[in-house]
């Protein structure tokens, strides 16, 4: 099941890159993305929280792009919130389970920290 969720996130990122950056975003992930999966344990509903960064000139229309891309992937769910983050409180919230080494949290296979080699 975890692989299915990660595949959904991979597809979401591909749709987002294409929508936000056009055809140049298809081959190379340009979005800064830190997806965190929550709810895999303890009988909760699995879901993602994401830190998503785009170039400032791409911010207008971002919420519509997120909702559109998310609606196209399996395991997407219906609750989508897009909020600008301005403090560490939100980052602490989405990483609240990361201190437990027995739980999968950050989806590193789909993460892009925006660092260029």
N, C-alpha and C. Protein backbone atom coordinates (compact mmCIF):
# COMPACT_ATOMS: atom_id res chain seq x y z
N UNK A 1 0.82 -1.19 0.00
CA UNK A 1 0.00 0.00 0.00
C UNK A 1 0.87 1.26 0.00
N UNK A 2 1.98 1.23 0.73
CA UNK A 2 2.87 2.39 0.78
C UNK A 2 3.38 2.72 -0.62
N UNK A 3 3.70 1.69 -1.40
CA UNK A 3 4.18 1.93 -2.76
C UNK A 3 3.12 2.60 -3.62
N UNK A 4 1.85 2.26 -3.40
CA UNK A 4 0.76 2.89 -4.15
C UNK A 4 0.64 4.38 -3.80
N UNK A 5 0.77 4.69 -2.53
CA UNK A 5 0.73 6.09 -2.13
C UNK A 5 1.90 6.87 -2.71
N UNK A 6 3.07 6.27 -2.66
CA UNK A 6 4.25 6.95 -3.22
C UNK A 6 4.12 7.14 -4.73
N UNK A 7 3.52 6.16 -5.41
CA UNK A 7 3.29 6.29 -6.84
C UNK A 7 2.31 7.43 -7.12
N UNK A 8 1.28 7.55 -6.29
CA UNK A 8 0.34 8.66 -6.44
C UNK A 8 1.05 10.00 -6.29
N UNK A 9 1.95 10.09 -5.32
CA UNK A 9 2.69 11.34 -5.13
C UNK A 9 3.59 11.62 -6.32
N UNK A 10 4.24 10.58 -6.85
CA UNK A 10 5.09 10.76 -8.03
C UNK A 10 4.27 11.31 -9.20
N UNK A 11 3.08 10.77 -9.40
CA UNK A 11 2.20 11.25 -10.48
C UNK A 11 1.76 12.69 -10.22
N UNK A 12 1.41 12.99 -8.98
CA UNK A 12 1.02 14.35 -8.61
C UNK A 12 2.13 15.34 -8.96
N UNK A 13 3.35 15.00 -8.61
CA UNK A 13 4.49 15.87 -8.88
C UNK A 13 4.67 16.06 -10.38
N UNK A 14 4.51 14.99 -11.14
CA UNK A 14 4.64 15.10 -12.60
C UNK A 14 3.57 16.03 -13.17
N UNK A 15 2.31 15.88 -12.72
CA UNK A 15 1.25 16.78 -13.18
C UNK A 15 1.52 18.22 -12.78
N UNK A 16 2.00 18.41 -11.55
CA UNK A 16 2.29 19.77 -11.08
C UNK A 16 3.40 20.41 -11.88
N UNK A 17 4.48 19.68 -12.10
CA UNK A 17 5.58 20.22 -12.89
C UNK A 17 5.12 20.64 -14.27
N UNK A 18 4.30 19.79 -14.89
CA UNK A 18 3.81 20.10 -16.24
C UNK A 18 2.90 21.32 -16.21
N UNK A 19 2.01 21.38 -15.22
CA UNK A 19 1.06 22.49 -15.15
C UNK A 19 1.75 23.81 -14.83
N UNK A 20 2.68 23.78 -13.91
CA UNK A 20 3.33 25.01 -13.46
C UNK A 20 4.45 25.44 -14.40
N UNK A 21 5.24 24.48 -14.91
CA UNK A 21 6.41 24.82 -15.71
C UNK A 21 6.30 24.42 -17.18
N UNK A 22 5.17 23.87 -17.58
CA UNK A 22 5.00 23.48 -18.98
C UNK A 22 5.82 22.25 -19.32
N UNK A 23 6.10 22.07 -20.59
CA UNK A 23 6.81 20.87 -21.03
C UNK A 23 8.21 20.78 -20.45
N UNK A 24 8.81 21.91 -20.05
CA UNK A 24 10.16 21.86 -19.47
C UNK A 24 10.15 21.21 -18.09
N UNK A 25 8.98 21.12 -17.47
CA UNK A 25 8.90 20.51 -16.15
C UNK A 25 8.66 19.02 -16.17
N UNK A 26 8.46 18.44 -17.35
CA UNK A 26 8.13 17.02 -17.42
C UNK A 26 9.34 16.15 -17.09
N UNK A 27 10.46 16.41 -17.71
CA UNK A 27 11.62 15.53 -17.53
C UNK A 27 12.37 15.80 -16.24
N UNK A 28 12.36 17.03 -15.78
CA UNK A 28 13.12 17.38 -14.59
C UNK A 28 12.20 18.02 -13.57
N UNK A 29 12.24 17.46 -12.39
CA UNK A 29 11.40 18.02 -11.33
C UNK A 29 11.94 19.40 -10.96
N UNK A 30 11.12 20.41 -11.13
CA UNK A 30 11.54 21.76 -10.83
C UNK A 30 10.92 22.28 -9.56
N UNK A 31 9.84 21.67 -9.13
CA UNK A 31 9.20 22.09 -7.89
C UNK A 31 10.07 21.69 -6.70
N UNK A 32 10.14 22.56 -5.72
CA UNK A 32 10.72 22.16 -4.44
C UNK A 32 9.60 21.44 -3.71
N UNK A 33 9.85 20.20 -3.30
CA UNK A 33 8.79 19.37 -2.75
C UNK A 33 9.34 18.50 -1.62
N UNK A 34 8.68 18.58 -0.48
CA UNK A 34 8.97 17.67 0.62
C UNK A 34 7.64 17.04 1.03
N UNK A 35 7.35 15.84 0.50
CA UNK A 35 6.11 15.16 0.86
C UNK A 35 6.30 14.32 2.13
N UNK A 36 5.36 14.43 3.04
CA UNK A 36 5.40 13.69 4.29
C UNK A 36 4.11 12.87 4.37
N UNK A 37 4.27 11.55 4.50
CA UNK A 37 3.11 10.68 4.58
C UNK A 37 2.79 10.40 6.05
N UNK A 38 1.53 10.47 6.36
CA UNK A 38 1.07 10.30 7.73
C UNK A 38 -0.11 9.33 7.75
N UNK A 39 -0.30 8.64 8.85
CA UNK A 39 -1.47 7.79 9.03
C UNK A 39 -1.29 6.36 8.59
N UNK A 40 -0.06 5.93 8.38
CA UNK A 40 0.16 4.55 7.96
C UNK A 40 0.03 3.57 9.12
N UNK A 41 0.08 4.07 10.33
CA UNK A 41 0.05 3.21 11.50
C UNK A 41 -1.04 3.68 12.46
N UNK A 42 -1.48 2.80 13.32
CA UNK A 42 -2.45 3.17 14.34
C UNK A 42 -3.87 3.29 13.86
N UNK A 43 -4.21 2.65 12.73
CA UNK A 43 -5.59 2.66 12.26
C UNK A 43 -6.06 3.98 11.69
N UNK A 44 -5.16 4.86 11.33
CA UNK A 44 -5.53 6.16 10.77
C UNK A 44 -5.61 6.09 9.25
N UNK A 45 -6.20 7.08 8.66
CA UNK A 45 -6.30 7.16 7.20
C UNK A 45 -5.00 7.76 6.66
N UNK A 46 -4.28 7.01 5.81
CA UNK A 46 -3.04 7.55 5.25
C UNK A 46 -3.32 8.79 4.41
N UNK A 47 -2.43 9.76 4.53
CA UNK A 47 -2.55 10.99 3.76
C UNK A 47 -1.20 11.69 3.72
N UNK A 48 -1.09 12.63 2.81
CA UNK A 48 0.15 13.40 2.65
C UNK A 48 -0.02 14.83 3.15
N UNK A 49 1.08 15.35 3.66
CA UNK A 49 1.28 16.78 3.85
C UNK A 49 2.49 17.11 2.99
N UNK A 50 2.50 18.26 2.37
CA UNK A 50 3.63 18.61 1.50
C UNK A 50 4.07 20.05 1.71
N UNK A 51 5.37 20.22 1.69
CA UNK A 51 5.93 21.56 1.53
C UNK A 51 6.20 21.68 0.04
N UNK A 52 5.67 22.69 -0.56
CA UNK A 52 5.77 22.86 -2.00
C UNK A 52 6.29 24.26 -2.28
N UNK A 53 7.35 24.35 -3.04
CA UNK A 53 7.90 25.65 -3.38
C UNK A 53 7.98 25.83 -4.89
N UNK A 54 7.59 27.01 -5.33
CA UNK A 54 7.67 27.35 -6.75
C UNK A 54 8.31 28.72 -6.87
N UNK A 55 8.75 29.04 -8.06
CA UNK A 55 9.27 30.38 -8.32
C UNK A 55 8.16 31.39 -8.05
N UNK A 56 8.54 32.56 -7.56
CA UNK A 56 7.54 33.56 -7.16
C UNK A 56 6.61 33.96 -8.30
N UNK A 57 7.09 33.94 -9.52
CA UNK A 57 6.24 34.31 -10.65
C UNK A 57 5.24 33.22 -11.01
N UNK A 58 5.34 32.06 -10.36
CA UNK A 58 4.42 30.94 -10.63
C UNK A 58 3.38 30.77 -9.52
N UNK A 59 3.41 31.64 -8.51
CA UNK A 59 2.54 31.45 -7.35
C UNK A 59 1.06 31.66 -7.66
N UNK A 60 0.74 32.62 -8.51
CA UNK A 60 -0.67 32.83 -8.88
C UNK A 60 -1.19 31.58 -9.58
N UNK A 61 -2.31 31.11 -9.14
CA UNK A 61 -2.89 29.91 -9.74
C UNK A 61 -2.37 28.62 -9.15
N UNK A 62 -1.49 28.70 -8.16
CA UNK A 62 -0.90 27.48 -7.59
C UNK A 62 -1.96 26.59 -6.93
N UNK A 63 -2.88 27.19 -6.19
CA UNK A 63 -3.89 26.40 -5.51
C UNK A 63 -4.74 25.62 -6.51
N UNK A 64 -5.13 26.26 -7.60
CA UNK A 64 -5.91 25.57 -8.62
C UNK A 64 -5.09 24.44 -9.25
N UNK A 65 -3.81 24.66 -9.47
CA UNK A 65 -2.94 23.62 -10.02
C UNK A 65 -2.84 22.43 -9.08
N UNK A 66 -2.69 22.71 -7.78
CA UNK A 66 -2.60 21.63 -6.79
C UNK A 66 -3.88 20.81 -6.79
N UNK A 67 -5.02 21.47 -6.72
CA UNK A 67 -6.29 20.75 -6.67
C UNK A 67 -6.54 19.95 -7.95
N UNK A 68 -6.21 20.51 -9.07
CA UNK A 68 -6.38 19.82 -10.35
C UNK A 68 -5.47 18.60 -10.44
N UNK A 69 -4.20 18.77 -10.13
CA UNK A 69 -3.25 17.65 -10.21
C UNK A 69 -3.60 16.56 -9.21
N UNK A 70 -3.97 16.94 -8.00
CA UNK A 70 -4.28 15.96 -6.96
C UNK A 70 -5.53 15.15 -7.32
N UNK A 71 -6.48 15.77 -8.02
CA UNK A 71 -7.71 15.05 -8.39
C UNK A 71 -7.45 13.97 -9.44
N UNK A 72 -6.30 14.01 -10.10
CA UNK A 72 -6.01 13.06 -11.18
C UNK A 72 -5.30 11.79 -10.71
N UNK A 73 -4.90 11.72 -9.44
CA UNK A 73 -4.09 10.59 -9.00
C UNK A 73 -4.89 9.64 -8.12
N UNK A 74 -4.52 8.34 -8.16
CA UNK A 74 -5.17 7.38 -7.26
C UNK A 74 -4.84 7.72 -5.80
N UNK A 75 -5.67 7.32 -4.89
CA UNK A 75 -5.47 7.52 -3.46
C UNK A 75 -5.38 8.99 -3.09
N UNK A 76 -6.02 9.86 -3.87
CA UNK A 76 -5.84 11.29 -3.65
C UNK A 76 -6.68 11.85 -2.51
N UNK A 77 -7.86 11.38 -2.30
CA UNK A 77 -8.72 11.96 -1.27
C UNK A 77 -9.31 13.28 -1.73
N UNK A 78 -10.13 13.88 -0.87
CA UNK A 78 -10.87 15.06 -1.27
C UNK A 78 -10.48 16.32 -0.52
N UNK A 79 -9.80 16.19 0.59
CA UNK A 79 -9.45 17.38 1.36
C UNK A 79 -8.09 17.90 0.89
N UNK A 80 -8.11 19.08 0.32
CA UNK A 80 -6.89 19.71 -0.17
C UNK A 80 -6.85 21.13 0.39
N UNK A 81 -5.82 21.42 1.13
CA UNK A 81 -5.61 22.77 1.64
C UNK A 81 -4.30 23.28 1.11
N UNK A 82 -4.31 24.48 0.59
CA UNK A 82 -3.10 25.13 0.12
C UNK A 82 -2.96 26.42 0.91
N UNK A 83 -1.92 26.47 1.72
CA UNK A 83 -1.70 27.65 2.56
C UNK A 83 -0.23 28.04 2.50
N UNK A 84 0.05 29.32 2.37
CA UNK A 84 1.46 29.73 2.45
C UNK A 84 1.95 29.53 3.88
N UNK A 85 3.15 29.00 4.02
CA UNK A 85 3.70 28.86 5.36
C UNK A 85 4.70 29.98 5.60
N UNK A 86 4.63 30.48 6.78
CA UNK A 86 5.49 31.61 7.14
C UNK A 86 6.26 31.39 8.44
N UNK A 87 6.04 30.23 9.07
CA UNK A 87 6.74 30.00 10.32
C UNK A 87 7.10 28.53 10.46
N UNK A 88 7.91 28.21 11.44
CA UNK A 88 8.35 26.83 11.64
C UNK A 88 7.27 25.97 12.27
N UNK A 89 6.21 26.54 12.78
CA UNK A 89 5.14 25.76 13.39
C UNK A 89 4.52 24.76 12.43
N UNK A 90 4.30 25.18 11.21
CA UNK A 90 3.71 24.28 10.23
C UNK A 90 4.68 23.15 9.88
N UNK A 91 5.95 23.49 9.73
CA UNK A 91 6.94 22.46 9.42
C UNK A 91 7.07 21.46 10.56
N UNK A 92 6.97 21.94 11.79
CA UNK A 92 6.99 21.05 12.94
C UNK A 92 5.77 20.14 12.91
N UNK A 93 4.62 20.68 12.59
CA UNK A 93 3.38 19.89 12.54
C UNK A 93 3.48 18.74 11.54
N UNK A 94 3.95 19.00 10.33
CA UNK A 94 3.96 17.93 9.33
C UNK A 94 5.05 16.90 9.62
N UNK A 95 6.00 17.23 10.46
CA UNK A 95 7.06 16.28 10.79
C UNK A 95 6.92 15.71 12.19
N UNK A 96 5.74 15.77 12.77
CA UNK A 96 5.57 15.37 14.16
C UNK A 96 5.92 13.91 14.44
N UNK A 97 5.87 13.05 13.43
CA UNK A 97 6.19 11.64 13.64
C UNK A 97 7.61 11.29 13.19
N UNK A 98 8.35 12.27 12.70
CA UNK A 98 9.67 11.96 12.15
C UNK A 98 10.69 11.56 13.20
N UNK A 99 10.40 11.81 14.47
CA UNK A 99 11.35 11.42 15.51
C UNK A 99 11.31 9.93 15.80
N UNK A 100 10.28 9.23 15.35
CA UNK A 100 10.17 7.80 15.58
C UNK A 100 10.82 7.07 14.41
N UNK A 101 11.95 6.41 14.63
CA UNK A 101 12.65 5.76 13.50
C UNK A 101 11.91 4.56 12.93
N UNK A 102 10.87 4.08 13.60
CA UNK A 102 10.11 2.94 13.11
C UNK A 102 8.96 3.33 12.20
N UNK A 103 8.77 4.61 11.99
CA UNK A 103 7.68 5.06 11.13
C UNK A 103 8.23 5.74 9.89
N UNK A 104 7.62 5.42 8.76
CA UNK A 104 7.96 6.09 7.51
C UNK A 104 7.30 7.45 7.56
N UNK A 105 8.04 8.50 7.29
CA UNK A 105 7.46 9.84 7.31
C UNK A 105 7.79 10.57 6.02
N UNK A 106 8.96 11.13 5.88
CA UNK A 106 9.31 11.87 4.68
C UNK A 106 9.45 10.89 3.52
N UNK A 107 8.78 11.19 2.43
CA UNK A 107 8.85 10.37 1.22
C UNK A 107 10.05 10.88 0.41
N UNK A 108 11.24 10.43 0.81
CA UNK A 108 12.48 10.94 0.20
C UNK A 108 12.58 10.61 -1.27
N UNK A 109 11.96 9.53 -1.71
CA UNK A 109 12.01 9.18 -3.14
C UNK A 109 11.32 10.20 -4.03
N UNK A 110 10.37 10.95 -3.46
CA UNK A 110 9.65 11.98 -4.22
C UNK A 110 10.05 13.39 -3.81
N UNK A 111 10.97 13.52 -2.89
CA UNK A 111 11.37 14.85 -2.41
C UNK A 111 12.35 15.50 -3.39
N UNK A 112 12.27 16.81 -3.48
CA UNK A 112 13.22 17.61 -4.23
C UNK A 112 13.49 18.86 -3.40
N UNK A 113 14.70 19.00 -2.93
CA UNK A 113 15.05 20.13 -2.07
C UNK A 113 15.54 21.34 -2.85
N UNK A 114 15.53 21.23 -4.17
CA UNK A 114 15.88 22.38 -5.00
C UNK A 114 17.36 22.62 -5.12
N UNK A 115 18.16 21.68 -4.65
CA UNK A 115 19.61 21.84 -4.71
C UNK A 115 20.10 21.32 -6.05
N UNK A 116 20.91 22.08 -6.68
CA UNK A 116 21.47 21.69 -7.98
C UNK A 116 22.91 21.22 -7.77
N UNK A 117 23.28 20.17 -8.51
CA UNK A 117 24.66 19.68 -8.39
C UNK A 117 25.57 20.36 -9.38
